[in-house]
Amino acid sequence: NFKKIRNEYKDELNIIIFSIDPVNDTQLQVKNLLKKYELNNSLDYLIADKYDLKVIWEHFYVPVAYVQSKSLKGNLILHSIPAYLISNQNKFTLIYTEFDIDSIKVDIKNILN
């Protein structure tokens, strides 16, 4: 998980997550979520309005769709969850569509060395 990777590479790695739910991702909700999963100081979580986030979603190829759900009594948010490994030269090095922590750790070591 993010916490293990962050602890191992805390001085060499930044982890940034951006909201896909600008209506419900408030500062308090994000703070509580990070606290719940013990990620308080492990990553940065970007929240903004939909207009600003849409630019980020498009840049990182994260399609976001809102679907009305009668059974859930609200909206269901459909989205992809790619993770990007970006070198310290700001180059996209790898894109992950599935989270295999061991593979990501190996790739981080290779980039840092």
N, C-alpha and C. Protein backbone atom coordinates (compact mmCIF):
# COMPACT_ATOMS: atom_id res chain seq x y z
N ASN A 1 0.82 -1.19 0.00
CA ASN A 1 0.00 0.00 0.00
C ASN A 1 0.87 1.26 0.00
N PHE A 2 0.23 2.40 -0.15
CA PHE A 2 0.96 3.67 -0.23
C PHE A 2 1.82 3.91 1.01
N LYS A 3 1.31 3.53 2.15
CA LYS A 3 2.03 3.79 3.41
C LYS A 3 3.38 3.08 3.42
N LYS A 4 3.41 1.82 3.00
CA LYS A 4 4.67 1.07 2.98
C LYS A 4 5.67 1.70 2.02
N ILE A 5 5.21 2.05 0.84
CA ILE A 5 6.10 2.67 -0.14
C ILE A 5 6.59 4.01 0.38
N ARG A 6 5.70 4.79 0.91
CA ARG A 6 6.07 6.12 1.42
C ARG A 6 7.08 6.01 2.56
N ASN A 7 6.89 5.07 3.48
CA ASN A 7 7.82 4.91 4.59
C ASN A 7 9.21 4.50 4.11
N GLU A 8 9.25 3.66 3.10
CA GLU A 8 10.54 3.19 2.60
C GLU A 8 11.30 4.27 1.83
N TYR A 9 10.57 5.15 1.16
CA TYR A 9 11.21 6.16 0.30
C TYR A 9 10.82 7.57 0.70
N LYS A 10 10.62 7.81 1.99
CA LYS A 10 10.04 9.09 2.44
C LYS A 10 10.83 10.32 2.04
N ASP A 11 12.13 10.21 1.90
CA ASP A 11 12.93 11.38 1.52
C ASP A 11 13.11 11.52 0.01
N GLU A 12 12.68 10.52 -0.74
CA GLU A 12 12.92 10.53 -2.18
C GLU A 12 11.66 10.47 -3.03
N LEU A 13 10.51 10.41 -2.40
CA LEU A 13 9.29 10.15 -3.14
C LEU A 13 8.14 11.01 -2.62
N ASN A 14 7.39 11.56 -3.54
CA ASN A 14 6.16 12.28 -3.20
C ASN A 14 4.99 11.54 -3.82
N ILE A 15 3.95 11.37 -3.05
CA ILE A 15 2.73 10.73 -3.54
C ILE A 15 1.62 11.77 -3.52
N ILE A 16 0.97 11.92 -4.66
CA ILE A 16 -0.11 12.90 -4.79
C ILE A 16 -1.36 12.17 -5.30
N ILE A 17 -2.46 12.39 -4.64
CA ILE A 17 -3.75 11.87 -5.08
C ILE A 17 -4.65 13.06 -5.37
N PHE A 18 -5.43 12.98 -6.43
CA PHE A 18 -6.36 14.07 -6.69
C PHE A 18 -7.79 13.55 -6.66
N SER A 19 -8.67 14.40 -6.22
CA SER A 19 -10.07 14.06 -6.04
C SER A 19 -10.74 13.73 -7.37
N ILE A 20 -11.67 12.78 -7.31
CA ILE A 20 -12.55 12.52 -8.45
C ILE A 20 -13.99 12.83 -8.07
N ASP A 21 -14.15 13.37 -6.85
CA ASP A 21 -15.48 13.71 -6.35
C ASP A 21 -15.45 15.09 -5.69
N PRO A 22 -15.35 16.14 -6.50
CA PRO A 22 -15.21 17.48 -5.93
C PRO A 22 -16.40 17.96 -5.10
N VAL A 23 -17.56 17.37 -5.29
CA VAL A 23 -18.73 17.77 -4.52
C VAL A 23 -18.63 17.27 -3.07
N ASN A 24 -18.19 16.04 -2.91
CA ASN A 24 -18.17 15.42 -1.59
C ASN A 24 -16.80 15.39 -0.91
N ASP A 25 -15.74 15.60 -1.65
CA ASP A 25 -14.40 15.60 -1.04
C ASP A 25 -14.10 16.96 -0.43
N THR A 26 -14.51 17.12 0.81
CA THR A 26 -14.24 18.36 1.53
C THR A 26 -12.93 18.20 2.29
N GLN A 27 -12.39 19.29 2.78
CA GLN A 27 -11.15 19.22 3.56
C GLN A 27 -11.32 18.30 4.76
N LEU A 28 -12.45 18.41 5.44
CA LEU A 28 -12.69 17.58 6.62
C LEU A 28 -12.80 16.10 6.25
N GLN A 29 -13.52 15.79 5.17
CA GLN A 29 -13.66 14.40 4.76
C GLN A 29 -12.32 13.79 4.35
N VAL A 30 -11.52 14.55 3.62
CA VAL A 30 -10.21 14.05 3.20
C VAL A 30 -9.32 13.86 4.42
N LYS A 31 -9.34 14.80 5.32
CA LYS A 31 -8.54 14.70 6.55
C LYS A 31 -8.92 13.44 7.33
N ASN A 32 -10.22 13.19 7.48
CA ASN A 32 -10.69 12.00 8.19
C ASN A 32 -10.32 10.71 7.46
N LEU A 33 -10.41 10.72 6.14
CA LEU A 33 -10.04 9.55 5.34
C LEU A 33 -8.56 9.23 5.51
N LEU A 34 -7.71 10.24 5.40
CA LEU A 34 -6.27 10.02 5.55
C LEU A 34 -5.93 9.55 6.96
N LYS A 35 -6.62 10.07 7.94
CA LYS A 35 -6.40 9.65 9.33
C LYS A 35 -6.84 8.20 9.51
N LYS A 36 -8.00 7.86 8.96
CA LYS A 36 -8.54 6.50 9.08
C LYS A 36 -7.55 5.46 8.57
N TYR A 37 -6.89 5.76 7.45
CA TYR A 37 -5.95 4.81 6.85
C TYR A 37 -4.50 5.11 7.22
N GLU A 38 -4.32 5.95 8.24
CA GLU A 38 -2.99 6.30 8.76
C GLU A 38 -2.07 6.82 7.66
N LEU A 39 -2.60 7.70 6.83
CA LEU A 39 -1.84 8.29 5.72
C LEU A 39 -1.64 9.79 5.90
N ASN A 40 -1.86 10.28 7.11
CA ASN A 40 -1.85 11.72 7.36
C ASN A 40 -0.64 12.43 6.76
N ASN A 41 0.53 11.92 6.99
CA ASN A 41 1.75 12.59 6.52
C ASN A 41 2.41 11.84 5.37
N SER A 42 1.68 10.93 4.73
CA SER A 42 2.26 10.08 3.71
C SER A 42 2.07 10.59 2.29
N LEU A 43 1.08 11.45 2.09
CA LEU A 43 0.78 11.87 0.73
C LEU A 43 0.06 13.21 0.74
N ASP A 44 -0.05 13.79 -0.43
CA ASP A 44 -0.82 15.01 -0.62
C ASP A 44 -2.10 14.65 -1.37
N TYR A 45 -3.20 15.22 -0.94
CA TYR A 45 -4.50 14.95 -1.55
C TYR A 45 -5.06 16.26 -2.08
N LEU A 46 -5.15 16.37 -3.38
CA LEU A 46 -5.59 17.60 -4.02
C LEU A 46 -7.11 17.62 -4.16
N ILE A 47 -7.74 18.65 -3.59
CA ILE A 47 -9.17 18.86 -3.79
C ILE A 47 -9.36 20.25 -4.40
N ALA A 48 -10.35 20.34 -5.25
CA ALA A 48 -10.65 21.61 -5.93
C ALA A 48 -12.05 21.50 -6.50
N ASP A 49 -12.46 22.53 -7.22
CA ASP A 49 -13.78 22.44 -7.86
C ASP A 49 -13.66 21.62 -9.14
N LYS A 50 -14.80 21.20 -9.66
CA LYS A 50 -14.84 20.32 -10.83
C LYS A 50 -14.13 20.93 -12.03
N TYR A 51 -14.28 22.22 -12.22
CA TYR A 51 -13.67 22.91 -13.35
C TYR A 51 -12.14 22.76 -13.31
N ASP A 52 -11.54 22.98 -12.16
CA ASP A 52 -10.08 22.86 -12.04
C ASP A 52 -9.62 21.41 -12.10
N LEU A 53 -10.37 20.52 -11.47
CA LEU A 53 -9.98 19.11 -11.48
C LEU A 53 -10.11 18.49 -12.86
N LYS A 54 -11.04 18.95 -13.65
CA LYS A 54 -11.25 18.39 -14.99
C LYS A 54 -9.98 18.49 -15.83
N VAL A 55 -9.25 19.56 -15.69
CA VAL A 55 -7.98 19.73 -16.41
C VAL A 55 -7.00 18.63 -16.00
N ILE A 56 -6.94 18.34 -14.72
CA ILE A 56 -6.04 17.30 -14.22
C ILE A 56 -6.51 15.93 -14.68
N TRP A 57 -7.81 15.67 -14.60
CA TRP A 57 -8.34 14.39 -15.06
C TRP A 57 -7.97 14.15 -16.52
N GLU A 58 -8.11 15.16 -17.35
CA GLU A 58 -7.80 15.02 -18.77
C GLU A 58 -6.30 14.81 -18.98
N HIS A 59 -5.47 15.53 -18.26
CA HIS A 59 -4.01 15.41 -18.41
C HIS A 59 -3.53 14.00 -18.04
N PHE A 60 -4.13 13.43 -17.00
CA PHE A 60 -3.70 12.11 -16.54
C PHE A 60 -4.61 10.98 -17.02
N TYR A 61 -5.45 11.27 -18.00
CA TYR A 61 -6.30 10.26 -18.63
C TYR A 61 -7.16 9.50 -17.61
N VAL A 62 -7.84 10.25 -16.77
CA VAL A 62 -8.74 9.67 -15.78
C VAL A 62 -10.17 10.08 -16.13
N PRO A 63 -10.86 9.25 -16.91
CA PRO A 63 -12.25 9.60 -17.21
C PRO A 63 -13.11 9.43 -15.97
N VAL A 64 -13.96 10.40 -15.72
CA VAL A 64 -14.85 10.37 -14.55
C VAL A 64 -16.28 10.50 -15.04
N ALA A 65 -17.14 9.59 -14.60
CA ALA A 65 -18.55 9.64 -14.98
C ALA A 65 -19.41 9.50 -13.73
N TYR A 66 -20.48 10.27 -13.69
CA TYR A 66 -21.42 10.22 -12.57
C TYR A 66 -22.68 9.52 -13.03
N VAL A 67 -23.10 8.49 -12.31
CA VAL A 67 -24.27 7.71 -12.67
C VAL A 67 -25.25 7.76 -11.50
N GLN A 68 -26.50 8.09 -11.79
CA GLN A 68 -27.53 8.12 -10.75
C GLN A 68 -27.85 6.69 -10.34
N SER A 69 -27.84 6.42 -9.05
CA SER A 69 -28.11 5.08 -8.55
C SER A 69 -29.31 5.12 -7.61
N LYS A 70 -30.38 4.41 -7.98
CA LYS A 70 -31.56 4.36 -7.12
C LYS A 70 -31.30 3.49 -5.89
N SER A 71 -30.57 2.39 -6.09
CA SER A 71 -30.33 1.48 -4.97
C SER A 71 -29.38 2.08 -3.93
N LEU A 72 -28.44 2.91 -4.36
CA LEU A 72 -27.51 3.54 -3.43
C LEU A 72 -28.01 4.89 -2.93
N LYS A 73 -29.13 5.32 -3.46
CA LYS A 73 -29.73 6.61 -3.08
C LYS A 73 -28.76 7.77 -3.27
N GLY A 74 -28.20 7.83 -4.43
CA GLY A 74 -27.27 8.92 -4.73
C GLY A 74 -26.54 8.65 -6.02
N ASN A 75 -25.42 9.29 -6.18
CA ASN A 75 -24.62 9.12 -7.39
C ASN A 75 -23.55 8.07 -7.19
N LEU A 76 -23.25 7.39 -8.25
CA LEU A 76 -22.16 6.44 -8.29
C LEU A 76 -21.11 7.06 -9.21
N ILE A 77 -19.87 7.07 -8.79
CA ILE A 77 -18.81 7.68 -9.60
C ILE A 77 -17.98 6.57 -10.23
N LEU A 78 -17.95 6.55 -11.55
CA LEU A 78 -17.15 5.58 -12.29
C LEU A 78 -15.88 6.26 -12.76
N HIS A 79 -14.74 5.61 -12.54
CA HIS A 79 -13.47 6.22 -12.94
C HIS A 79 -12.39 5.15 -13.03
N SER A 80 -11.33 5.47 -13.72
CA SER A 80 -10.17 4.60 -13.75
C SER A 80 -9.25 5.02 -12.61
N ILE A 81 -8.27 4.19 -12.28
CA ILE A 81 -7.36 4.53 -11.20
C ILE A 81 -5.90 4.30 -11.59
N PRO A 82 -5.44 4.94 -12.63
CA PRO A 82 -4.03 4.74 -12.97
C PRO A 82 -3.13 5.42 -11.95
N ALA A 83 -1.95 4.87 -11.79
CA ALA A 83 -0.92 5.50 -10.96
C ALA A 83 0.28 5.74 -11.87
N TYR A 84 0.89 6.88 -11.72
CA TYR A 84 2.02 7.26 -12.55
C TYR A 84 3.28 7.33 -11.72
N LEU A 85 4.35 6.79 -12.26
CA LEU A 85 5.66 6.95 -11.65
C LEU A 85 6.39 7.98 -12.49
N ILE A 86 6.69 9.11 -11.88
CA ILE A 86 7.31 10.23 -12.58
C ILE A 86 8.69 10.44 -12.01
N SER A 87 9.69 10.47 -12.86
CA SER A 87 11.07 10.64 -12.39
C SER A 87 11.30 12.04 -11.86
N ASN A 88 12.43 12.24 -11.18
CA ASN A 88 12.73 13.57 -10.66
C ASN A 88 13.12 14.53 -11.77
N GLN A 89 13.17 14.07 -13.01
CA GLN A 89 13.33 14.95 -14.17
C GLN A 89 11.96 15.28 -14.78
N ASN A 90 10.90 14.97 -14.03
CA ASN A 90 9.51 15.22 -14.44
C ASN A 90 9.11 14.49 -15.72
N LYS A 91 9.63 13.29 -15.89
CA LYS A 91 9.26 12.46 -17.04
C LYS A 91 8.37 11.32 -16.56
N PHE A 92 7.28 11.09 -17.31
CA PHE A 92 6.44 9.94 -17.02
C PHE A 92 7.25 8.70 -17.33
N THR A 93 7.52 7.91 -16.32
CA THR A 93 8.35 6.74 -16.50
C THR A 93 7.50 5.49 -16.71
N LEU A 94 6.51 5.31 -15.85
CA LEU A 94 5.65 4.15 -15.93
C LEU A 94 4.22 4.52 -15.55
N ILE A 95 3.28 3.80 -16.09
CA ILE A 95 1.88 3.96 -15.73
C ILE A 95 1.38 2.60 -15.23
N TYR A 96 0.75 2.62 -14.08
CA TYR A 96 0.20 1.39 -13.51
C TYR A 96 -1.32 1.45 -13.56
N THR A 97 -1.92 0.40 -14.08
CA THR A 97 -3.38 0.32 -14.06
C THR A 97 -3.84 -0.65 -12.98
N GLU A 98 -2.93 -1.44 -12.48
CA GLU A 98 -3.19 -2.33 -11.36
C GLU A 98 -2.10 -2.09 -10.33
N PHE A 99 -2.45 -2.23 -9.07
CA PHE A 99 -1.48 -1.95 -8.01
C PHE A 99 -0.82 -3.23 -7.53
N ASP A 100 0.39 -3.45 -7.98
CA ASP A 100 1.22 -4.54 -7.49
C ASP A 100 2.37 -3.86 -6.76
N ILE A 101 2.26 -3.79 -5.44
CA ILE A 101 3.20 -3.03 -4.63
C ILE A 101 4.64 -3.48 -4.85
N ASP A 102 4.87 -4.78 -4.95
CA ASP A 102 6.24 -5.27 -5.14
C ASP A 102 6.83 -4.78 -6.46
N SER A 103 6.05 -4.79 -7.52
CA SER A 103 6.54 -4.29 -8.82
C SER A 103 6.82 -2.80 -8.75
N ILE A 104 5.94 -2.06 -8.10
CA ILE A 104 6.14 -0.62 -7.98
C ILE A 104 7.41 -0.32 -7.20
N LYS A 105 7.67 -1.07 -6.13
CA LYS A 105 8.89 -0.86 -5.34
C LYS A 105 10.14 -1.11 -6.18
N VAL A 106 10.14 -2.16 -6.97
CA VAL A 106 11.29 -2.45 -7.84
C VAL A 106 11.50 -1.31 -8.83
N ASP A 107 10.43 -0.81 -9.41
CA ASP A 107 10.53 0.28 -10.38
C ASP A 107 11.04 1.56 -9.71
N ILE A 108 10.59 1.83 -8.51
CA ILE A 108 11.07 3.02 -7.79
C ILE A 108 12.56 2.91 -7.53
N LYS A 109 13.01 1.74 -7.08
CA LYS A 109 14.45 1.54 -6.83
C LYS A 109 15.25 1.77 -8.11
N ASN A 110 14.75 1.26 -9.23
CA ASN A 110 15.46 1.42 -10.50
C ASN A 110 15.55 2.88 -10.92
N ILE A 111 14.50 3.63 -10.71
CA ILE A 111 14.51 5.04 -11.09
C ILE A 111 15.42 5.85 -10.18
N LEU A 112 15.42 5.52 -8.90
CA LEU A 112 16.23 6.29 -7.96
C LEU A 112 17.72 5.97 -8.06
N ASN A 113 18.04 4.83 -8.61
CA ASN A 113 19.47 4.45 -8.73
C ASN A 113 20.04 4.78 -10.05
